Amino acid sequence: MSLTFINMKYLKLIIICFFGSTIISFLGLFILSSLKYIGAGDSDFNNLPYGIAIGINLCFALGTFPIFLNLNNRVRSSPGWSATSFFLLPAVFVFILLLAMWDQPWPGILFCIPYLALLVVLFLNFRKNIVPNTYLHK
């Protein structure tokens, strides 16, 4: 395997998380707007939550770029360091986001949970495919 293929594997993880969580957030927003829970007023900001969903998921995707630290064999071979490279910045971003929107629970559910759920699934799949002792020189 070439180094470019490995880089594309990590980039595909980020892209899958971004588009998957954005679609799930859009579905949730569509359901909430059809139930008139959000966007019920006559204003120019009826579609603002869709833009916020894209922006928050884009920030999550940019915060997931430390996944590329798994190119280092020491980080990839250690489950703790690998999990840190996957989840540290998104966890900090979730904490900041929930502190900023503490008075309304739906943004945390719609915007944070889909991305983190997809990231957990892809991390478990990534760890399952790690060959043990690949960091040893032969």
N, C-alpha and C. Protein backbone atom coordinates (compact mmCIF):
# COMPACT_ATOMS: atom_id res chain seq x y z
N MET A 1 0.83 -1.19 0.00
CA MET A 1 0.00 0.00 0.00
C MET A 1 0.87 1.25 0.00
N SER A 2 0.45 2.18 -0.77
CA SER A 2 1.20 3.43 -0.82
C SER A 2 0.70 4.37 0.27
N LEU A 3 1.50 5.36 0.55
CA LEU A 3 1.14 6.34 1.56
C LEU A 3 -0.08 7.15 1.14
N THR A 4 -0.24 7.38 -0.15
CA THR A 4 -1.39 8.15 -0.64
C THR A 4 -2.69 7.40 -0.39
N PHE A 5 -2.69 6.08 -0.56
CA PHE A 5 -3.90 5.29 -0.31
C PHE A 5 -4.27 5.35 1.16
N ILE A 6 -3.28 5.30 2.05
CA ILE A 6 -3.57 5.36 3.48
C ILE A 6 -4.12 6.73 3.84
N ASN A 7 -3.56 7.80 3.26
CA ASN A 7 -4.08 9.14 3.52
C ASN A 7 -5.52 9.25 3.05
N MET A 8 -5.83 8.64 1.92
CA MET A 8 -7.21 8.69 1.41
C MET A 8 -8.16 7.93 2.31
N LYS A 9 -7.68 6.88 2.97
CA LYS A 9 -8.53 6.12 3.89
C LYS A 9 -8.98 7.01 5.04
N TYR A 10 -8.07 7.78 5.60
CA TYR A 10 -8.42 8.66 6.70
C TYR A 10 -9.29 9.82 6.22
N LEU A 11 -9.00 10.32 5.04
CA LEU A 11 -9.82 11.39 4.49
C LEU A 11 -11.24 10.90 4.20
N LYS A 12 -11.36 9.64 3.76
CA LYS A 12 -12.69 9.07 3.53
C LYS A 12 -13.47 8.96 4.84
N LEU A 13 -12.80 8.64 5.95
CA LEU A 13 -13.47 8.58 7.24
C LEU A 13 -14.07 9.94 7.60
N ILE A 14 -13.30 11.00 7.37
CA ILE A 14 -13.78 12.35 7.69
C ILE A 14 -14.94 12.73 6.79
N ILE A 15 -14.84 12.43 5.51
CA ILE A 15 -15.90 12.78 4.55
C ILE A 15 -17.17 12.00 4.84
N ILE A 16 -17.05 10.72 5.15
CA ILE A 16 -18.22 9.90 5.47
C ILE A 16 -18.91 10.44 6.71
N CYS A 17 -18.13 10.78 7.74
CA CYS A 17 -18.72 11.35 8.95
C CYS A 17 -19.43 12.67 8.66
N PHE A 18 -18.80 13.52 7.86
CA PHE A 18 -19.39 14.82 7.57
C PHE A 18 -20.71 14.69 6.82
N PHE A 19 -20.69 13.96 5.70
CA PHE A 19 -21.91 13.86 4.90
C PHE A 19 -22.99 13.04 5.59
N GLY A 20 -22.61 11.97 6.26
CA GLY A 20 -23.60 11.15 6.97
C GLY A 20 -24.28 11.92 8.08
N SER A 21 -23.50 12.62 8.90
CA SER A 21 -24.10 13.37 10.00
C SER A 21 -24.90 14.57 9.49
N THR A 22 -24.48 15.17 8.39
CA THR A 22 -25.24 16.29 7.83
C THR A 22 -26.59 15.80 7.32
N ILE A 23 -26.63 14.66 6.67
CA ILE A 23 -27.90 14.11 6.18
C ILE A 23 -28.81 13.76 7.35
N ILE A 24 -28.25 13.14 8.40
CA ILE A 24 -29.07 12.81 9.57
C ILE A 24 -29.59 14.08 10.24
N SER A 25 -28.75 15.10 10.33
CA SER A 25 -29.19 16.37 10.92
C SER A 25 -30.28 17.03 10.06
N PHE A 26 -30.13 16.96 8.74
CA PHE A 26 -31.17 17.51 7.85
C PHE A 26 -32.49 16.78 8.03
N LEU A 27 -32.44 15.46 8.16
CA LEU A 27 -33.68 14.71 8.37
C LEU A 27 -34.34 15.10 9.68
N GLY A 28 -33.53 15.25 10.73
CA GLY A 28 -34.09 15.68 12.01
C GLY A 28 -34.66 17.07 11.95
N LEU A 29 -33.98 17.97 11.27
CA LEU A 29 -34.49 19.33 11.12
C LEU A 29 -35.77 19.37 10.29
N PHE A 30 -35.82 18.54 9.26
CA PHE A 30 -37.03 18.49 8.44
C PHE A 30 -38.22 18.00 9.26
N ILE A 31 -37.99 16.98 10.08
CA ILE A 31 -39.07 16.46 10.93
C ILE A 31 -39.50 17.52 11.94
N LEU A 32 -38.54 18.19 12.58
CA LEU A 32 -38.89 19.22 13.56
C LEU A 32 -39.59 20.41 12.91
N SER A 33 -39.20 20.78 11.71
CA SER A 33 -39.87 21.91 11.05
C SER A 33 -41.25 21.52 10.54
N SER A 34 -41.44 20.26 10.14
CA SER A 34 -42.77 19.84 9.70
C SER A 34 -43.73 19.72 10.90
N LEU A 35 -43.20 19.49 12.09
CA LEU A 35 -44.02 19.47 13.30
C LEU A 35 -44.20 20.86 13.90
N LYS A 36 -43.63 21.87 13.23
CA LYS A 36 -43.69 23.28 13.66
C LYS A 36 -43.01 23.50 15.01
N TYR A 37 -42.03 22.65 15.36
CA TYR A 37 -41.27 22.86 16.58
C TYR A 37 -40.23 23.95 16.37
N ILE A 38 -39.68 24.03 15.16
CA ILE A 38 -38.75 25.10 14.82
C ILE A 38 -39.21 25.74 13.52
N GLY A 39 -38.85 26.98 13.31
CA GLY A 39 -39.16 27.67 12.06
C GLY A 39 -40.63 27.95 11.85
N ALA A 40 -41.41 28.08 12.92
CA ALA A 40 -42.84 28.30 12.78
C ALA A 40 -43.19 29.76 12.52
N GLY A 41 -42.31 30.67 12.87
CA GLY A 41 -42.60 32.08 12.71
C GLY A 41 -42.37 32.56 11.29
N ASP A 42 -42.98 33.70 10.97
CA ASP A 42 -42.77 34.31 9.66
C ASP A 42 -41.52 35.20 9.75
N SER A 43 -40.43 34.65 9.32
CA SER A 43 -39.19 35.42 9.34
C SER A 43 -38.29 34.94 8.21
N ASP A 44 -37.23 35.67 8.02
CA ASP A 44 -36.27 35.30 6.97
C ASP A 44 -35.34 34.18 7.42
N PHE A 45 -35.42 33.78 8.66
CA PHE A 45 -34.48 32.81 9.22
C PHE A 45 -35.08 31.41 9.35
N ASN A 46 -36.08 31.09 8.54
CA ASN A 46 -36.69 29.77 8.64
C ASN A 46 -35.72 28.65 8.29
N ASN A 47 -34.83 28.88 7.36
CA ASN A 47 -33.89 27.84 6.94
C ASN A 47 -32.53 27.98 7.61
N LEU A 48 -32.41 28.86 8.58
CA LEU A 48 -31.14 29.05 9.27
C LEU A 48 -30.63 27.78 9.96
N PRO A 49 -31.48 26.95 10.59
CA PRO A 49 -30.95 25.73 11.21
C PRO A 49 -30.25 24.79 10.24
N TYR A 50 -30.65 24.79 8.97
CA TYR A 50 -29.96 23.94 7.99
C TYR A 50 -28.53 24.44 7.76
N GLY A 51 -28.36 25.74 7.70
CA GLY A 51 -27.02 26.30 7.57
C GLY A 51 -26.18 26.06 8.82
N ILE A 52 -26.82 26.16 9.98
CA ILE A 52 -26.11 25.88 11.23
C ILE A 52 -25.68 24.42 11.27
N ALA A 53 -26.52 23.52 10.78
CA ALA A 53 -26.16 22.09 10.75
C ALA A 53 -24.94 21.86 9.88
N ILE A 54 -24.90 22.50 8.72
CA ILE A 54 -23.73 22.34 7.85
C ILE A 54 -22.49 22.93 8.52
N GLY A 55 -22.63 24.10 9.12
CA GLY A 55 -21.48 24.74 9.77
C GLY A 55 -20.94 23.94 10.94
N ILE A 56 -21.82 23.43 11.78
CA ILE A 56 -21.37 22.65 12.93
C ILE A 56 -20.73 21.35 12.48
N ASN A 57 -21.32 20.68 11.50
CA ASN A 57 -20.71 19.44 11.01
C ASN A 57 -19.39 19.70 10.30
N LEU A 58 -19.26 20.86 9.66
CA LEU A 58 -17.98 21.22 9.06
C LEU A 58 -16.92 21.46 10.13
N CYS A 59 -17.31 22.10 11.22
CA CYS A 59 -16.36 22.28 12.34
C CYS A 59 -15.97 20.94 12.95
N PHE A 60 -16.92 20.03 13.06
CA PHE A 60 -16.59 18.68 13.54
C PHE A 60 -15.61 18.01 12.59
N ALA A 61 -15.85 18.14 11.29
CA ALA A 61 -14.97 17.50 10.31
C ALA A 61 -13.55 18.10 10.39
N LEU A 62 -13.45 19.40 10.55
CA LEU A 62 -12.13 20.02 10.69
C LEU A 62 -11.48 19.60 12.00
N GLY A 63 -12.29 19.39 13.05
CA GLY A 63 -11.76 18.93 14.33
C GLY A 63 -11.35 17.47 14.32
N THR A 64 -11.73 16.75 13.28
CA THR A 64 -11.38 15.34 13.19
C THR A 64 -10.10 15.12 12.40
N PHE A 65 -9.48 16.17 11.89
CA PHE A 65 -8.24 16.03 11.13
C PHE A 65 -7.08 15.40 11.91
N PRO A 66 -7.06 15.43 13.25
CA PRO A 66 -6.00 14.69 13.93
C PRO A 66 -6.04 13.18 13.68
N ILE A 67 -7.06 12.69 12.97
CA ILE A 67 -7.06 11.28 12.56
C ILE A 67 -5.78 10.96 11.79
N PHE A 68 -5.25 11.95 11.10
CA PHE A 68 -4.03 11.73 10.31
C PHE A 68 -2.83 11.41 11.19
N LEU A 69 -2.93 11.65 12.51
CA LEU A 69 -1.86 11.22 13.40
C LEU A 69 -1.72 9.70 13.42
N ASN A 70 -2.77 8.99 12.99
CA ASN A 70 -2.69 7.53 12.92
C ASN A 70 -1.75 7.05 11.83
N LEU A 71 -1.22 7.95 11.03
CA LEU A 71 -0.18 7.57 10.08
C LEU A 71 1.11 7.19 10.82
N ASN A 72 1.28 7.74 12.02
CA ASN A 72 2.40 7.37 12.87
C ASN A 72 2.12 6.00 13.49
N ASN A 73 3.07 5.09 13.40
CA ASN A 73 2.84 3.73 13.89
C ASN A 73 2.60 3.66 15.39
N ARG A 74 3.24 4.53 16.16
CA ARG A 74 3.01 4.51 17.62
C ARG A 74 1.59 4.92 17.97
N VAL A 75 1.07 5.90 17.29
CA VAL A 75 -0.31 6.33 17.56
C VAL A 75 -1.29 5.26 17.09
N ARG A 76 -1.06 4.70 15.92
CA ARG A 76 -1.97 3.70 15.37
C ARG A 76 -1.99 2.42 16.20
N SER A 77 -0.86 2.04 16.77
CA SER A 77 -0.80 0.78 17.51
C SER A 77 -1.37 0.89 18.91
N SER A 78 -1.45 2.08 19.46
CA SER A 78 -1.98 2.28 20.80
C SER A 78 -3.46 2.66 20.73
N PRO A 79 -4.34 1.84 21.33
CA PRO A 79 -5.77 2.20 21.30
C PRO A 79 -6.08 3.54 21.98
N GLY A 80 -5.36 3.87 23.04
CA GLY A 80 -5.59 5.13 23.74
C GLY A 80 -5.23 6.34 22.90
N TRP A 81 -4.03 6.32 22.31
CA TRP A 81 -3.61 7.44 21.47
C TRP A 81 -4.46 7.53 20.21
N SER A 82 -4.83 6.38 19.67
CA SER A 82 -5.67 6.38 18.48
C SER A 82 -7.05 6.98 18.79
N ALA A 83 -7.63 6.59 19.93
CA ALA A 83 -8.92 7.15 20.33
C ALA A 83 -8.80 8.65 20.60
N THR A 84 -7.68 9.07 21.17
CA THR A 84 -7.47 10.49 21.41
C THR A 84 -7.40 11.26 20.11
N SER A 85 -6.73 10.68 19.11
CA SER A 85 -6.65 11.37 17.82
C SER A 85 -8.00 11.46 17.14
N PHE A 86 -8.87 10.50 17.40
CA PHE A 86 -10.21 10.52 16.81
C PHE A 86 -11.14 11.47 17.54
N PHE A 87 -11.11 11.47 18.88
CA PHE A 87 -12.20 12.06 19.66
C PHE A 87 -11.86 13.31 20.47
N LEU A 88 -10.59 13.69 20.63
CA LEU A 88 -10.28 14.79 21.55
C LEU A 88 -10.86 16.12 21.09
N LEU A 89 -10.55 16.55 19.89
CA LEU A 89 -11.08 17.84 19.42
C LEU A 89 -12.59 17.83 19.23
N PRO A 90 -13.21 16.76 18.67
CA PRO A 90 -14.67 16.76 18.63
C PRO A 90 -15.32 16.79 20.01
N ALA A 91 -14.71 16.15 21.01
CA ALA A 91 -15.27 16.18 22.37
C ALA A 91 -15.18 17.59 22.95
N VAL A 92 -14.08 18.27 22.73
CA VAL A 92 -13.95 19.66 23.20
C VAL A 92 -14.96 20.55 22.49
N PHE A 93 -15.14 20.33 21.19
CA PHE A 93 -16.11 21.13 20.45
C PHE A 93 -17.54 20.86 20.94
N VAL A 94 -17.87 19.61 21.25
CA VAL A 94 -19.19 19.30 21.79
C VAL A 94 -19.40 20.00 23.12
N PHE A 95 -18.38 19.98 23.98
CA PHE A 95 -18.49 20.64 25.27
C PHE A 95 -18.73 22.14 25.12
N ILE A 96 -17.99 22.78 24.24
CA ILE A 96 -18.16 24.22 24.00
C ILE A 96 -19.53 24.50 23.40
N LEU A 97 -19.96 23.65 22.46
CA LEU A 97 -21.26 23.85 21.82
C LEU A 97 -22.40 23.69 22.81
N LEU A 98 -22.31 22.69 23.67
CA LEU A 98 -23.38 22.49 24.65
C LEU A 98 -23.39 23.58 25.71
N LEU A 99 -22.23 24.13 26.04
CA LEU A 99 -22.22 25.28 26.96
C LEU A 99 -22.83 26.51 26.30
N ALA A 100 -22.61 26.67 25.01
CA ALA A 100 -23.14 27.84 24.31
C ALA A 100 -24.65 27.74 24.11
N MET A 101 -25.17 26.53 23.96
CA MET A 101 -26.60 26.35 23.72
C MET A 101 -27.27 25.59 24.86
N TRP A 102 -26.97 25.94 26.07
CA TRP A 102 -27.46 25.20 27.22
C TRP A 102 -28.97 25.32 27.41
N ASP A 103 -29.60 26.35 26.88
CA ASP A 103 -31.02 26.56 27.12
C ASP A 103 -31.92 25.81 26.14
N GLN A 104 -31.36 25.25 25.07
CA GLN A 104 -32.17 24.48 24.11
C GLN A 104 -31.50 23.13 23.88
N PRO A 105 -32.18 22.04 24.19
CA PRO A 105 -31.54 20.73 24.07
C PRO A 105 -31.47 20.18 22.64
N TRP A 106 -32.32 20.62 21.72
CA TRP A 106 -32.36 19.98 20.40
C TRP A 106 -31.11 20.21 19.56
N PRO A 107 -30.38 21.33 19.67
CA PRO A 107 -29.17 21.44 18.85
C PRO A 107 -28.11 20.40 19.22
N GLY A 108 -28.00 20.11 20.51
CA GLY A 108 -27.04 19.09 20.91
C GLY A 108 -27.40 17.72 20.39
N ILE A 109 -28.68 17.43 20.37
CA ILE A 109 -29.12 16.12 19.88
C ILE A 109 -28.99 16.05 18.37
N LEU A 110 -29.42 17.09 17.68
CA LEU A 110 -29.41 17.06 16.21
C LEU A 110 -28.03 17.21 15.60
N PHE A 111 -27.17 17.98 16.25
CA PHE A 111 -25.91 18.31 15.61
C PHE A 111 -24.73 17.51 16.15
N CYS A 112 -24.74 17.14 17.42
CA CYS A 112 -23.59 16.45 18.02
C CYS A 112 -23.69 14.94 17.94
N ILE A 113 -24.83 14.39 18.26
CA ILE A 113 -24.98 12.94 18.37
C ILE A 113 -24.74 12.23 17.03
N PRO A 114 -25.30 12.69 15.90
CA PRO A 114 -25.04 11.95 14.64
C PRO A 114 -23.56 11.87 14.28
N TYR A 115 -22.84 12.98 14.43
CA TYR A 115 -21.43 12.95 14.06
C TYR A 115 -20.64 12.04 14.99
N LEU A 116 -20.89 12.16 16.29
CA LEU A 116 -20.15 11.33 17.24
C LEU A 116 -20.51 9.85 17.09
N ALA A 117 -21.77 9.56 16.79
CA ALA A 117 -22.16 8.15 16.60
C ALA A 117 -21.46 7.55 15.38
N LEU A 118 -21.45 8.29 14.28
CA LEU A 118 -20.74 7.80 13.09
C LEU A 118 -19.24 7.69 13.34
N LEU A 119 -18.68 8.62 14.09
CA LEU A 119 -17.26 8.58 14.39
C LEU A 119 -16.91 7.38 15.26
N VAL A 120 -17.77 7.05 16.23
CA VAL A 120 -17.54 5.87 17.07
C VAL A 120 -17.59 4.59 16.23
N VAL A 121 -18.57 4.48 15.35
CA VAL A 121 -18.69 3.29 14.50
C VAL A 121 -17.47 3.16 13.60
N LEU A 122 -17.04 4.25 12.98
CA LEU A 122 -15.87 4.20 12.11
C LEU A 122 -14.59 3.96 12.89
N PHE A 123 -14.50 4.45 14.12
CA PHE A 123 -13.33 4.17 14.95
C PHE A 123 -13.26 2.70 15.31
N LEU A 124 -14.39 2.11 15.70
CA LEU A 124 -14.40 0.68 16.04
C LEU A 124 -14.04 -0.16 14.82
N ASN A 125 -14.54 0.22 13.66
CA ASN A 125 -14.18 -0.48 12.43
C ASN A 125 -12.68 -0.31 12.13
N PHE A 126 -12.15 0.88 12.35
CA PHE A 126 -10.73 1.15 12.14
C PHE A 126 -9.87 0.30 13.08
N ARG A 127 -10.26 0.23 14.36
CA ARG A 127 -9.47 -0.55 15.33
C ARG A 127 -9.56 -2.04 15.05
N LYS A 128 -10.69 -2.48 14.51
CA LYS A 128 -10.85 -3.90 14.19
C LYS A 128 -9.90 -4.31 13.06
N ASN A 129 -9.62 -3.39 12.16
CA ASN A 129 -8.77 -3.69 11.00
C ASN A 129 -7.29 -3.49 11.25
N ILE A 130 -6.90 -3.08 12.47
CA ILE A 130 -5.49 -2.88 12.79
C ILE A 130 -4.84 -4.24 13.00
N VAL A 131 -3.73 -4.45 12.31
CA VAL A 131 -2.97 -5.69 12.49
C VAL A 131 -2.06 -5.51 13.70
N PRO A 132 -2.09 -6.43 14.69
CA PRO A 132 -1.25 -6.25 15.86
C PRO A 132 0.24 -6.30 15.52
N ASN A 133 1.00 -5.56 16.28
CA ASN A 133 2.46 -5.50 16.16
C ASN A 133 2.94 -4.98 14.82
N THR A 134 2.17 -4.09 14.20
CA THR A 134 2.62 -3.52 12.93
C THR A 134 3.66 -2.43 13.15
N TYR A 135 3.82 -2.00 14.41
CA TYR A 135 4.77 -0.93 14.68
C TYR A 135 6.18 -1.47 14.89
N LEU A 136 6.34 -2.77 15.00
CA LEU A 136 7.67 -3.36 15.16
C LEU A 136 8.39 -3.42 13.82
N HIS A 137 9.64 -3.12 13.84
CA HIS A 137 10.44 -3.20 12.61
C HIS A 137 10.84 -4.63 12.36
N LYS A 138 10.72 -5.08 11.14
CA LYS A 138 11.07 -6.45 10.80
C LYS A 138 12.37 -6.49 10.06
